[in-house]
Amino acid sequence: MENNRYRAEEEEVVEAEAAEEAKAEPVEEVQPEATPEEHISKNKKRINHLKEKITELENELALKDDELLRERAELINFKRRLNEEKINDRKYANQALLADLINVIDIFDRVVSAPAQDEKVKKYLVGFQMINEQLKGVMNQYGVTKIEALHKPFDSSRHEAIETIESDEDEGTIIEVISDGYMFKDRVLRPAMVKVAKKKEN
């Protein structure tokens, strides 16, 4: 009898604990199975979302491609400019030296064109003239040429007008060269100093 009583008490305790555990555990709601229409609607939403994501990624890719092309074009232009600068540096390397030599030629021109009566002086002048011509020949070999100015239309890129004078010649025509100008290849080494004709006032 005593054993049966203890067994009954144990069963009551177990049942009480089981009841407590059942209260503590949340009851899972059974979700009803989705209908085919709901499945289709859900899949359409997923597809639309994926399409939007693809479009977004394509736009980002297009922007990156555009940036890459611009950077590549800038790099090509930079390399081209750098190459042109190197070529110009070599092409015009002697420009400063030749510009200084022009002043020497000016001095020689004035000396050899000076009148002389003494025979010894005349012989010296002939020697200076030969040196002057040789120097001009060397300058010409390096690409230095005299700017044609007298009786030519005034060109501000090659001529520098120091005075305008009333003349019968066409307005803007160079009527006197004060000092010769020179080109170094396709650059103006020194502009010609000139006087330019203007219309006579009535």
N, C-alpha and C. Protein backbone atom coordinates (compact mmCIF):
# COMPACT_ATOMS: atom_id res chain seq x y z
N MET A 1 0.84 -1.21 0.00
CA MET A 1 0.00 0.00 0.00
C MET A 1 0.87 1.26 0.00
N GLU A 2 1.92 1.16 0.82
CA GLU A 2 2.82 2.32 0.95
C GLU A 2 3.50 2.61 -0.38
N ASN A 3 3.89 1.52 -1.03
CA ASN A 3 4.56 1.67 -2.33
C ASN A 3 3.64 2.27 -3.36
N ASN A 4 2.39 1.83 -3.34
CA ASN A 4 1.41 2.34 -4.32
C ASN A 4 1.17 3.84 -4.09
N ARG A 5 1.20 4.23 -2.82
CA ARG A 5 0.97 5.64 -2.52
C ARG A 5 2.11 6.49 -3.05
N TYR A 6 3.37 5.99 -2.81
CA TYR A 6 4.54 6.73 -3.31
C TYR A 6 4.54 6.83 -4.82
N ARG A 7 4.15 5.73 -5.49
CA ARG A 7 4.11 5.72 -6.97
C ARG A 7 3.08 6.72 -7.48
N ALA A 8 1.94 6.80 -6.83
CA ALA A 8 0.89 7.73 -7.25
C ALA A 8 1.37 9.16 -7.08
N GLU A 9 2.10 9.44 -6.00
CA GLU A 9 2.62 10.79 -5.79
C GLU A 9 3.63 11.18 -6.87
N GLU A 10 4.51 10.19 -7.23
CA GLU A 10 5.51 10.45 -8.26
C GLU A 10 4.85 10.77 -9.59
N GLU A 11 3.79 10.01 -9.90
CA GLU A 11 3.08 10.23 -11.16
C GLU A 11 2.44 11.61 -11.17
N GLU A 12 1.92 12.04 -10.02
CA GLU A 12 1.30 13.38 -9.95
C GLU A 12 2.35 14.47 -10.16
N VAL A 13 3.55 14.26 -9.59
CA VAL A 13 4.64 15.24 -9.76
C VAL A 13 5.05 15.33 -11.21
N VAL A 14 5.22 14.16 -11.85
CA VAL A 14 5.61 14.13 -13.28
C VAL A 14 4.57 14.82 -14.13
N GLU A 15 3.29 14.54 -13.84
CA GLU A 15 2.22 15.16 -14.63
C GLU A 15 2.21 16.69 -14.43
N ALA A 16 2.48 17.11 -13.18
CA ALA A 16 2.50 18.56 -12.89
C ALA A 16 3.65 19.24 -13.63
N GLU A 17 4.84 18.58 -13.64
CA GLU A 17 6.00 19.16 -14.36
C GLU A 17 5.73 19.23 -15.85
N ALA A 18 5.10 18.17 -16.38
CA ALA A 18 4.78 18.14 -17.82
C ALA A 18 3.80 19.26 -18.15
N ALA A 19 2.85 19.50 -17.26
CA ALA A 19 1.87 20.58 -17.49
C ALA A 19 2.55 21.94 -17.49
N GLU A 20 3.54 22.12 -16.55
CA GLU A 20 4.28 23.39 -16.49
C GLU A 20 5.10 23.61 -17.77
N GLU A 21 5.77 22.54 -18.23
CA GLU A 21 6.57 22.64 -19.46
C GLU A 21 5.69 22.98 -20.66
N ALA A 22 4.53 22.39 -20.68
CA ALA A 22 3.60 22.66 -21.79
C ALA A 22 3.16 24.10 -21.79
N LYS A 23 3.00 24.69 -20.62
CA LYS A 23 2.61 26.10 -20.53
C LYS A 23 3.75 27.01 -21.01
N ALA A 24 5.01 26.61 -20.63
CA ALA A 24 6.18 27.46 -20.97
C ALA A 24 6.47 27.47 -22.47
N GLU A 25 6.29 26.35 -23.17
CA GLU A 25 6.59 26.26 -24.59
C GLU A 25 5.52 26.96 -25.41
N PRO A 26 5.96 27.87 -26.36
CA PRO A 26 4.96 28.54 -27.20
C PRO A 26 4.31 27.56 -28.16
N VAL A 27 3.08 27.81 -28.36
CA VAL A 27 2.32 26.93 -29.26
C VAL A 27 2.55 27.39 -30.70
N GLU A 28 3.11 26.53 -31.53
CA GLU A 28 3.36 26.86 -32.92
C GLU A 28 2.05 26.83 -33.71
N GLU A 29 1.88 27.99 -34.40
CA GLU A 29 0.67 28.04 -35.23
C GLU A 29 0.93 27.33 -36.55
N VAL A 30 0.05 26.55 -36.94
CA VAL A 30 0.17 25.83 -38.20
C VAL A 30 -0.26 26.75 -39.33
N GLN A 31 0.75 27.07 -40.18
CA GLN A 31 0.46 27.95 -41.30
C GLN A 31 -0.26 27.17 -42.40
N PRO A 32 -1.26 27.79 -42.91
CA PRO A 32 -1.95 27.10 -44.02
C PRO A 32 -1.06 27.09 -45.26
N GLU A 33 -1.10 26.07 -46.02
CA GLU A 33 -0.28 25.93 -47.23
C GLU A 33 -0.72 26.97 -48.27
N ALA A 34 0.36 27.63 -48.90
CA ALA A 34 0.09 28.70 -49.87
C ALA A 34 -0.57 28.13 -51.12
N THR A 35 -1.43 28.97 -51.70
CA THR A 35 -2.11 28.57 -52.93
C THR A 35 -1.18 28.81 -54.12
N PRO A 36 -1.44 28.16 -55.28
CA PRO A 36 -0.61 28.40 -56.48
C PRO A 36 -0.55 29.87 -56.87
N GLU A 37 -1.66 30.59 -56.71
CA GLU A 37 -1.67 32.02 -57.06
C GLU A 37 -0.71 32.81 -56.18
N GLU A 38 -0.66 32.43 -54.87
CA GLU A 38 0.24 33.11 -53.94
C GLU A 38 1.70 32.82 -54.29
N HIS A 39 1.96 31.55 -54.69
CA HIS A 39 3.31 31.18 -55.13
C HIS A 39 3.72 32.02 -56.34
N ILE A 40 2.83 32.15 -57.32
CA ILE A 40 3.12 32.92 -58.55
C ILE A 40 3.37 34.39 -58.20
N SER A 41 2.52 34.96 -57.35
CA SER A 41 2.68 36.35 -56.96
C SER A 41 4.01 36.58 -56.25
N LYS A 42 4.37 35.63 -55.35
CA LYS A 42 5.63 35.74 -54.61
C LYS A 42 6.81 35.65 -55.56
N ASN A 43 6.75 34.74 -56.52
CA ASN A 43 7.85 34.58 -57.50
C ASN A 43 7.96 35.80 -58.40
N LYS A 44 6.82 36.39 -58.77
CA LYS A 44 6.86 37.60 -59.60
C LYS A 44 7.56 38.73 -58.86
N LYS A 45 7.28 38.87 -57.57
CA LYS A 45 7.94 39.90 -56.77
C LYS A 45 9.44 39.67 -56.73
N ARG A 46 9.83 38.40 -56.55
CA ARG A 46 11.26 38.08 -56.53
C ARG A 46 11.91 38.41 -57.87
N ILE A 47 11.25 38.05 -58.96
CA ILE A 47 11.78 38.31 -60.31
C ILE A 47 11.92 39.81 -60.54
N ASN A 48 10.90 40.57 -60.15
CA ASN A 48 10.95 42.03 -60.32
C ASN A 48 12.09 42.64 -59.51
N HIS A 49 12.27 42.12 -58.29
CA HIS A 49 13.36 42.62 -57.44
C HIS A 49 14.71 42.31 -58.09
N LEU A 50 14.85 41.09 -58.62
CA LEU A 50 16.10 40.72 -59.28
C LEU A 50 16.35 41.55 -60.53
N LYS A 51 15.28 41.84 -61.29
CA LYS A 51 15.43 42.69 -62.49
C LYS A 51 15.91 44.08 -62.10
N GLU A 52 15.33 44.63 -61.02
CA GLU A 52 15.75 45.96 -60.56
C GLU A 52 17.22 45.94 -60.13
N LYS A 53 17.62 44.85 -59.47
CA LYS A 53 19.01 44.73 -59.02
C LYS A 53 19.94 44.63 -60.22
N ILE A 54 19.53 43.86 -61.23
CA ILE A 54 20.35 43.72 -62.45
C ILE A 54 20.49 45.06 -63.14
N THR A 55 19.38 45.80 -63.26
CA THR A 55 19.43 47.13 -63.89
C THR A 55 20.36 48.06 -63.12
N GLU A 56 20.27 48.01 -61.81
CA GLU A 56 21.15 48.85 -60.97
C GLU A 56 22.62 48.50 -61.19
N LEU A 57 22.91 47.21 -61.22
CA LEU A 57 24.29 46.76 -61.43
C LEU A 57 24.79 47.12 -62.84
N GLU A 58 23.90 47.00 -63.83
CA GLU A 58 24.28 47.38 -65.20
C GLU A 58 24.61 48.87 -65.29
N ASN A 59 23.80 49.70 -64.59
CA ASN A 59 24.06 51.14 -64.57
C ASN A 59 25.39 51.46 -63.91
N GLU A 60 25.67 50.78 -62.79
CA GLU A 60 26.94 50.97 -62.11
C GLU A 60 28.11 50.55 -63.00
N LEU A 61 27.93 49.44 -63.71
CA LEU A 61 28.97 48.96 -64.61
C LEU A 61 29.21 49.94 -65.75
N ALA A 62 28.12 50.49 -66.28
CA ALA A 62 28.25 51.47 -67.37
C ALA A 62 29.01 52.71 -66.90
N LEU A 63 28.71 53.16 -65.66
CA LEU A 63 29.42 54.31 -65.10
C LEU A 63 30.91 54.00 -64.93
N LYS A 64 31.21 52.81 -64.43
CA LYS A 64 32.61 52.42 -64.25
C LYS A 64 33.32 52.34 -65.60
N ASP A 65 32.64 51.80 -66.61
CA ASP A 65 33.23 51.73 -67.95
C ASP A 65 33.51 53.12 -68.49
N ASP A 66 32.56 54.04 -68.28
CA ASP A 66 32.74 55.42 -68.75
C ASP A 66 33.92 56.09 -68.04
N GLU A 67 34.02 55.88 -66.73
CA GLU A 67 35.14 56.45 -65.97
C GLU A 67 36.46 55.87 -66.46
N LEU A 68 36.47 54.57 -66.72
CA LEU A 68 37.68 53.91 -67.18
C LEU A 68 38.11 54.44 -68.55
N LEU A 69 37.12 54.62 -69.45
CA LEU A 69 37.43 55.15 -70.78
C LEU A 69 37.98 56.58 -70.69
N ARG A 70 37.38 57.41 -69.82
CA ARG A 70 37.86 58.79 -69.65
C ARG A 70 39.29 58.81 -69.10
N GLU A 71 39.53 57.97 -68.10
CA GLU A 71 40.87 57.91 -67.52
C GLU A 71 41.89 57.42 -68.54
N ARG A 72 41.47 56.45 -69.36
CA ARG A 72 42.38 55.94 -70.39
C ARG A 72 42.67 57.02 -71.42
N ALA A 73 41.64 57.78 -71.81
CA ALA A 73 41.83 58.86 -72.78
C ALA A 73 42.74 59.95 -72.21
N GLU A 74 42.54 60.28 -70.91
CA GLU A 74 43.40 61.28 -70.27
C GLU A 74 44.85 60.80 -70.23
N LEU A 75 45.05 59.53 -69.96
CA LEU A 75 46.40 58.97 -69.92
C LEU A 75 47.06 59.03 -71.29
N ILE A 76 46.28 58.69 -72.33
CA ILE A 76 46.81 58.73 -73.70
C ILE A 76 47.19 60.16 -74.07
N ASN A 77 46.30 61.13 -73.73
CA ASN A 77 46.58 62.54 -74.02
C ASN A 77 47.81 63.03 -73.25
N PHE A 78 47.93 62.59 -71.99
CA PHE A 78 49.09 62.99 -71.20
C PHE A 78 50.37 62.45 -71.82
N LYS A 79 50.37 61.20 -72.23
CA LYS A 79 51.55 60.61 -72.86
C LYS A 79 51.88 61.32 -74.16
N ARG A 80 50.81 61.68 -74.93
CA ARG A 80 51.04 62.39 -76.20
C ARG A 80 51.66 63.76 -75.95
N ARG A 81 51.11 64.51 -74.97
CA ARG A 81 51.66 65.82 -74.65
C ARG A 81 53.10 65.71 -74.16
N LEU A 82 53.37 64.71 -73.33
CA LEU A 82 54.72 64.51 -72.82
C LEU A 82 55.67 64.21 -73.96
N ASN A 83 55.23 63.38 -74.90
CA ASN A 83 56.06 63.05 -76.06
C ASN A 83 56.32 64.27 -76.93
N GLU A 84 55.25 65.09 -77.13
CA GLU A 84 55.41 66.32 -77.92
C GLU A 84 56.38 67.28 -77.26
N GLU A 85 56.28 67.38 -75.92
CA GLU A 85 57.20 68.27 -75.19
C GLU A 85 58.65 67.80 -75.34
N LYS A 86 58.85 66.48 -75.28
CA LYS A 86 60.21 65.96 -75.45
C LYS A 86 60.73 66.26 -76.85
N ILE A 87 59.85 66.08 -77.86
CA ILE A 87 60.25 66.36 -79.24
C ILE A 87 60.60 67.84 -79.39
N ASN A 88 59.74 68.72 -78.82
CA ASN A 88 59.99 70.16 -78.92
C ASN A 88 61.25 70.57 -78.18
N ASP A 89 61.50 69.92 -77.04
CA ASP A 89 62.73 70.22 -76.29
C ASP A 89 63.96 69.92 -77.13
N ARG A 90 63.91 68.80 -77.84
CA ARG A 90 65.05 68.45 -78.72
C ARG A 90 65.09 69.37 -79.93
N LYS A 91 63.89 69.65 -80.49
CA LYS A 91 63.82 70.45 -81.72
C LYS A 91 64.30 71.88 -81.49
N TYR A 92 63.94 72.46 -80.34
CA TYR A 92 64.28 73.86 -80.07
C TYR A 92 65.36 74.01 -79.00
N ALA A 93 66.20 72.97 -78.85
CA ALA A 93 67.22 72.98 -77.79
C ALA A 93 68.18 74.13 -77.92
N ASN A 94 68.49 74.56 -79.16
CA ASN A 94 69.49 75.62 -79.38
C ASN A 94 68.89 77.02 -79.49
N GLN A 95 67.61 77.16 -79.17
CA GLN A 95 66.94 78.44 -79.41
C GLN A 95 67.60 79.60 -78.66
N ALA A 96 67.90 79.42 -77.39
CA ALA A 96 68.49 80.52 -76.60
C ALA A 96 69.86 80.91 -77.15
N LEU A 97 70.67 79.92 -77.50
CA LEU A 97 72.00 80.20 -78.05
C LEU A 97 71.90 80.95 -79.37
N LEU A 98 71.01 80.51 -80.24
CA LEU A 98 70.87 81.16 -81.55
C LEU A 98 70.33 82.58 -81.41
N ALA A 99 69.46 82.79 -80.43
CA ALA A 99 68.94 84.14 -80.19
C ALA A 99 70.07 85.09 -79.78
N ASP A 100 71.01 84.59 -78.99
CA ASP A 100 72.16 85.41 -78.61
C ASP A 100 73.07 85.68 -79.80
N LEU A 101 73.22 84.70 -80.68
CA LEU A 101 74.09 84.87 -81.85
C LEU A 101 73.53 85.90 -82.83
N ILE A 102 72.22 86.09 -82.83
CA ILE A 102 71.63 87.12 -83.69
C ILE A 102 72.20 88.49 -83.37
N ASN A 103 72.39 88.75 -82.07
CA ASN A 103 72.96 90.03 -81.66
C ASN A 103 74.38 90.20 -82.20
N VAL A 104 75.13 89.09 -82.24
CA VAL A 104 76.48 89.13 -82.80
C VAL A 104 76.42 89.45 -84.29
N ILE A 105 75.45 88.83 -84.99
CA ILE A 105 75.28 89.09 -86.42
C ILE A 105 74.93 90.56 -86.65
N ASP A 106 74.10 91.13 -85.79
CA ASP A 106 73.75 92.55 -85.91
C ASP A 106 75.00 93.42 -85.84
N ILE A 107 75.89 93.08 -84.92
CA ILE A 107 77.12 93.87 -84.78
C ILE A 107 77.97 93.74 -86.04
N PHE A 108 78.09 92.51 -86.53
CA PHE A 108 78.87 92.29 -87.75
C PHE A 108 78.26 93.05 -88.93
N ASP A 109 76.92 93.04 -89.01
CA ASP A 109 76.26 93.75 -90.11
C ASP A 109 76.59 95.24 -90.08
N ARG A 110 76.57 95.82 -88.88
CA ARG A 110 76.87 97.25 -88.77
C ARG A 110 78.33 97.54 -89.11
N VAL A 111 79.21 96.64 -88.69
CA VAL A 111 80.65 96.85 -88.93
C VAL A 111 80.97 96.77 -90.41
N VAL A 112 80.49 95.73 -91.10
CA VAL A 112 80.85 95.53 -92.50
C VAL A 112 80.15 96.52 -93.42
N SER A 113 79.07 97.14 -92.95
CA SER A 113 78.39 98.13 -93.79
C SER A 113 78.90 99.55 -93.55
N ALA A 114 79.82 99.71 -92.59
CA ALA A 114 80.36 101.04 -92.30
C ALA A 114 81.31 101.47 -93.42
N PRO A 115 81.27 102.74 -93.86
CA PRO A 115 82.17 103.22 -94.91
C PRO A 115 83.61 103.30 -94.39
N ALA A 116 84.54 102.96 -95.25
CA ALA A 116 85.94 103.02 -94.85
C ALA A 116 86.77 103.53 -96.02
N GLN A 117 87.72 104.43 -95.73
CA GLN A 117 88.61 104.98 -96.75
C GLN A 117 89.98 104.29 -96.70
N ASP A 118 90.40 103.93 -95.53
CA ASP A 118 91.71 103.31 -95.37
C ASP A 118 91.71 101.90 -95.94
N GLU A 119 92.77 101.55 -96.70
CA GLU A 119 92.86 100.24 -97.36
C GLU A 119 92.98 99.12 -96.33
N LYS A 120 93.73 99.37 -95.27
CA LYS A 120 93.89 98.34 -94.24
C LYS A 120 92.54 98.04 -93.58
N VAL A 121 91.78 99.11 -93.31
CA VAL A 121 90.46 98.94 -92.69
C VAL A 121 89.55 98.17 -93.64
N LYS A 122 89.64 98.49 -94.92
CA LYS A 122 88.82 97.80 -95.92
C LYS A 122 89.11 96.30 -95.93
N LYS A 123 90.42 95.94 -95.80
CA LYS A 123 90.80 94.52 -95.78
C LYS A 123 90.23 93.84 -94.54
N TYR A 124 90.30 94.55 -93.42
CA TYR A 124 89.71 94.00 -92.20
C TYR A 124 88.20 93.79 -92.37
N LEU A 125 87.56 94.76 -92.99
CA LEU A 125 86.12 94.66 -93.20
C LEU A 125 85.75 93.49 -94.09
N VAL A 126 86.60 93.24 -95.10
CA VAL A 126 86.37 92.07 -95.97
C VAL A 126 86.44 90.79 -95.15
N GLY A 127 87.41 90.71 -94.24
CA GLY A 127 87.53 89.53 -93.37
C GLY A 127 86.31 89.39 -92.46
N PHE A 128 85.87 90.53 -91.88
CA PHE A 128 84.68 90.49 -91.03
C PHE A 128 83.44 90.06 -91.82
N GLN A 129 83.38 90.52 -93.05
CA GLN A 129 82.24 90.17 -93.91
C GLN A 129 82.21 88.67 -94.18
N MET A 130 83.37 88.08 -94.41
CA MET A 130 83.46 86.63 -94.65
C MET A 130 83.00 85.86 -93.39
N ILE A 131 83.48 86.33 -92.23
CA ILE A 131 83.07 85.69 -90.97
C ILE A 131 81.57 85.81 -90.78
N ASN A 132 81.06 87.01 -91.09
CA ASN A 132 79.62 87.26 -90.94
C ASN A 132 78.81 86.32 -91.83
N GLU A 133 79.25 86.14 -93.07
CA GLU A 133 78.53 85.26 -93.99
C GLU A 133 78.60 83.81 -93.55
N GLN A 134 79.76 83.41 -93.02
CA GLN A 134 79.89 82.04 -92.53
C GLN A 134 78.98 81.81 -91.32
N LEU A 135 78.94 82.81 -90.45
CA LEU A 135 78.08 82.71 -89.27
C LEU A 135 76.61 82.61 -89.67
N LYS A 136 76.20 83.41 -90.65
CA LYS A 136 74.82 83.33 -91.14
C LYS A 136 74.53 81.98 -91.78
N GLY A 137 75.55 81.42 -92.46
CA GLY A 137 75.39 80.09 -93.06
C GLY A 137 75.17 79.01 -92.01
N VAL A 138 75.92 79.10 -90.93
CA VAL A 138 75.75 78.13 -89.83
C VAL A 138 74.36 78.28 -89.22
N MET A 139 73.96 79.53 -89.01
CA MET A 139 72.62 79.77 -88.45
C MET A 139 71.54 79.18 -89.35
N ASN A 140 71.74 79.35 -90.65
CA ASN A 140 70.78 78.82 -91.62
C ASN A 140 70.72 77.30 -91.56
N GLN A 141 71.86 76.67 -91.37
CA GLN A 141 71.90 75.20 -91.27
C GLN A 141 71.10 74.71 -90.06
N TYR A 142 71.06 75.51 -89.01
CA TYR A 142 70.31 75.14 -87.81
C TYR A 142 68.85 75.56 -87.88
N GLY A 143 68.44 76.12 -89.01
CA GLY A 143 67.03 76.46 -89.19
C GLY A 143 66.67 77.89 -88.93
N VAL A 144 67.68 78.77 -88.84
CA VAL A 144 67.41 80.20 -88.62
C VAL A 144 67.32 80.90 -89.97
N THR A 145 66.22 81.61 -90.21
CA THR A 145 66.03 82.34 -91.47
C THR A 145 65.56 83.76 -91.16
N LYS A 146 65.93 84.68 -92.05
CA LYS A 146 65.52 86.07 -91.86
C LYS A 146 64.07 86.24 -92.27
N ILE A 147 63.36 87.04 -91.52
CA ILE A 147 61.95 87.33 -91.82
C ILE A 147 61.89 88.41 -92.90
N GLU A 148 61.20 88.09 -93.98
CA GLU A 148 61.02 89.07 -95.04
C GLU A 148 60.01 90.12 -94.55
N ALA A 149 60.41 91.38 -94.63
CA ALA A 149 59.54 92.42 -94.07
C ALA A 149 59.31 93.59 -95.02
N LEU A 150 60.36 94.09 -95.65
CA LEU A 150 60.25 95.32 -96.45
C LEU A 150 59.23 95.14 -97.58
N HIS A 151 58.28 96.09 -97.65
CA HIS A 151 57.20 96.12 -98.65
C HIS A 151 56.22 94.94 -98.52
N LYS A 152 56.26 94.29 -97.37
CA LYS A 152 55.32 93.20 -97.08
C LYS A 152 54.22 93.72 -96.17
N PRO A 153 53.04 93.10 -96.20
CA PRO A 153 51.99 93.49 -95.26
C PRO A 153 52.42 93.25 -93.82
N PHE A 154 52.06 94.14 -92.95
CA PHE A 154 52.44 94.00 -91.54
C PHE A 154 51.75 92.78 -90.94
N ASP A 155 52.54 91.97 -90.23
CA ASP A 155 52.04 90.77 -89.56
C ASP A 155 52.49 90.83 -88.10
N SER A 156 51.54 91.04 -87.21
CA SER A 156 51.88 91.24 -85.79
C SER A 156 52.56 90.03 -85.16
N SER A 157 52.42 88.86 -85.77
CA SER A 157 53.06 87.67 -85.21
C SER A 157 54.54 87.61 -85.58
N ARG A 158 54.95 88.40 -86.60
CA ARG A 158 56.35 88.36 -87.04
C ARG A 158 57.02 89.74 -87.03
N HIS A 159 56.22 90.78 -87.02
CA HIS A 159 56.76 92.14 -87.08
C HIS A 159 56.34 92.92 -85.84
N GLU A 160 57.19 93.86 -85.46
CA GLU A 160 56.85 94.76 -84.37
C GLU A 160 56.96 96.19 -84.88
N ALA A 161 55.82 96.89 -84.93
CA ALA A 161 55.80 98.25 -85.46
C ALA A 161 56.23 99.23 -84.39
N ILE A 162 57.24 100.03 -84.72
CA ILE A 162 57.68 101.05 -83.77
C ILE A 162 57.15 102.44 -84.16
N GLU A 163 56.62 102.52 -85.40
CA GLU A 163 56.11 103.81 -85.86
C GLU A 163 55.23 103.60 -87.08
N THR A 164 54.21 104.45 -87.22
CA THR A 164 53.42 104.48 -88.45
C THR A 164 53.67 105.81 -89.14
N ILE A 165 53.86 105.74 -90.47
CA ILE A 165 54.22 106.93 -91.23
C ILE A 165 53.25 107.08 -92.41
N GLU A 166 52.82 108.30 -92.67
CA GLU A 166 51.97 108.56 -93.83
C GLU A 166 52.75 108.23 -95.10
N SER A 167 52.09 107.51 -95.99
CA SER A 167 52.80 107.05 -97.19
C SER A 167 51.82 106.84 -98.32
N ASP A 168 52.37 106.84 -99.56
CA ASP A 168 51.57 106.53 -100.73
C ASP A 168 51.34 105.03 -100.87
N GLU A 169 52.12 104.24 -100.13
CA GLU A 169 51.93 102.79 -100.20
C GLU A 169 50.65 102.41 -99.47
N ASP A 170 50.20 101.19 -99.75
CA ASP A 170 48.96 100.71 -99.11
C ASP A 170 49.12 100.73 -97.59
N GLU A 171 48.02 101.09 -96.95
CA GLU A 171 48.05 101.13 -95.49
C GLU A 171 48.38 99.74 -94.94
N GLY A 172 49.26 99.71 -93.94
CA GLY A 172 49.66 98.44 -93.34
C GLY A 172 50.86 97.82 -94.00
N THR A 173 51.42 98.48 -95.02
CA THR A 173 52.62 97.96 -95.69
C THR A 173 53.85 98.43 -94.93
N ILE A 174 54.82 97.54 -94.80
CA ILE A 174 56.07 97.89 -94.12
C ILE A 174 56.93 98.70 -95.09
N ILE A 175 57.29 99.90 -94.69
CA ILE A 175 58.05 100.78 -95.58
C ILE A 175 59.51 100.94 -95.13
N GLU A 176 59.84 100.47 -93.93
CA GLU A 176 61.23 100.55 -93.47
C GLU A 176 61.47 99.50 -92.40
N VAL A 177 62.64 98.85 -92.50
CA VAL A 177 63.04 97.85 -91.50
C VAL A 177 64.15 98.44 -90.64
N ILE A 178 63.90 98.55 -89.37
CA ILE A 178 64.90 99.10 -88.44
C ILE A 178 65.90 98.02 -88.04
N SER A 179 65.40 96.85 -87.72
CA SER A 179 66.29 95.71 -87.45
C SER A 179 65.60 94.44 -87.94
N ASP A 180 66.42 93.56 -88.50
CA ASP A 180 65.88 92.33 -89.09
C ASP A 180 65.31 91.40 -88.02
N GLY A 181 64.27 90.69 -88.42
CA GLY A 181 63.72 89.65 -87.56
C GLY A 181 64.13 88.28 -88.08
N TYR A 182 64.07 87.28 -87.20
CA TYR A 182 64.52 85.95 -87.58
C TYR A 182 63.53 84.89 -87.07
N MET A 183 63.39 83.85 -87.88
CA MET A 183 62.61 82.67 -87.51
C MET A 183 63.56 81.55 -87.14
N PHE A 184 63.19 80.76 -86.14
CA PHE A 184 63.91 79.52 -85.84
C PHE A 184 62.95 78.37 -86.11
N LYS A 185 63.13 77.75 -87.27
CA LYS A 185 62.21 76.73 -87.75
C LYS A 185 60.82 77.36 -87.88
N ASP A 186 59.84 76.97 -87.06
CA ASP A 186 58.51 77.56 -87.19
C ASP A 186 58.20 78.53 -86.04
N ARG A 187 59.22 78.94 -85.30
CA ARG A 187 59.05 79.89 -84.20
C ARG A 187 59.73 81.22 -84.53
N VAL A 188 59.13 82.28 -84.00
CA VAL A 188 59.76 83.59 -84.16
C VAL A 188 60.87 83.71 -83.12
N LEU A 189 62.10 83.80 -83.63
CA LEU A 189 63.24 83.96 -82.74
C LEU A 189 63.35 85.40 -82.27
N ARG A 190 63.11 86.32 -83.20
CA ARG A 190 63.05 87.74 -82.89
C ARG A 190 62.21 88.44 -83.95
N PRO A 191 61.21 89.23 -83.55
CA PRO A 191 60.40 89.91 -84.57
C PRO A 191 61.19 91.04 -85.23
N ALA A 192 60.83 91.35 -86.47
CA ALA A 192 61.46 92.46 -87.18
C ALA A 192 60.89 93.78 -86.66
N MET A 193 61.78 94.73 -86.37
CA MET A 193 61.36 96.06 -85.92
C MET A 193 61.16 96.91 -87.18
N VAL A 194 59.92 97.41 -87.36
CA VAL A 194 59.59 98.04 -88.64
C VAL A 194 58.80 99.33 -88.46
N LYS A 195 58.75 100.09 -89.59
CA LYS A 195 57.85 101.24 -89.69
C LYS A 195 56.79 100.89 -90.72
N VAL A 196 55.55 101.27 -90.42
CA VAL A 196 54.40 100.82 -91.22
C VAL A 196 53.70 102.04 -91.84
N ALA A 197 53.24 101.86 -93.08
CA ALA A 197 52.56 102.94 -93.79
C ALA A 197 51.14 103.12 -93.27
N LYS A 198 50.70 104.38 -93.26
CA LYS A 198 49.31 104.69 -92.96
C LYS A 198 48.81 105.71 -93.99
N LYS A 199 47.52 105.84 -94.12
CA LYS A 199 46.95 106.75 -95.12
C LYS A 199 47.33 108.21 -94.79
N LYS A 200 47.54 108.95 -95.85
CA LYS A 200 47.80 110.38 -95.67
C LYS A 200 46.52 111.09 -95.30
N GLU A 201 46.65 112.01 -94.39
CA GLU A 201 45.47 112.79 -94.00
C GLU A 201 45.21 113.87 -95.05
N ASN A 202 43.94 114.06 -95.39
CA ASN A 202 43.59 115.07 -96.39
C ASN A 202 43.67 116.48 -95.80
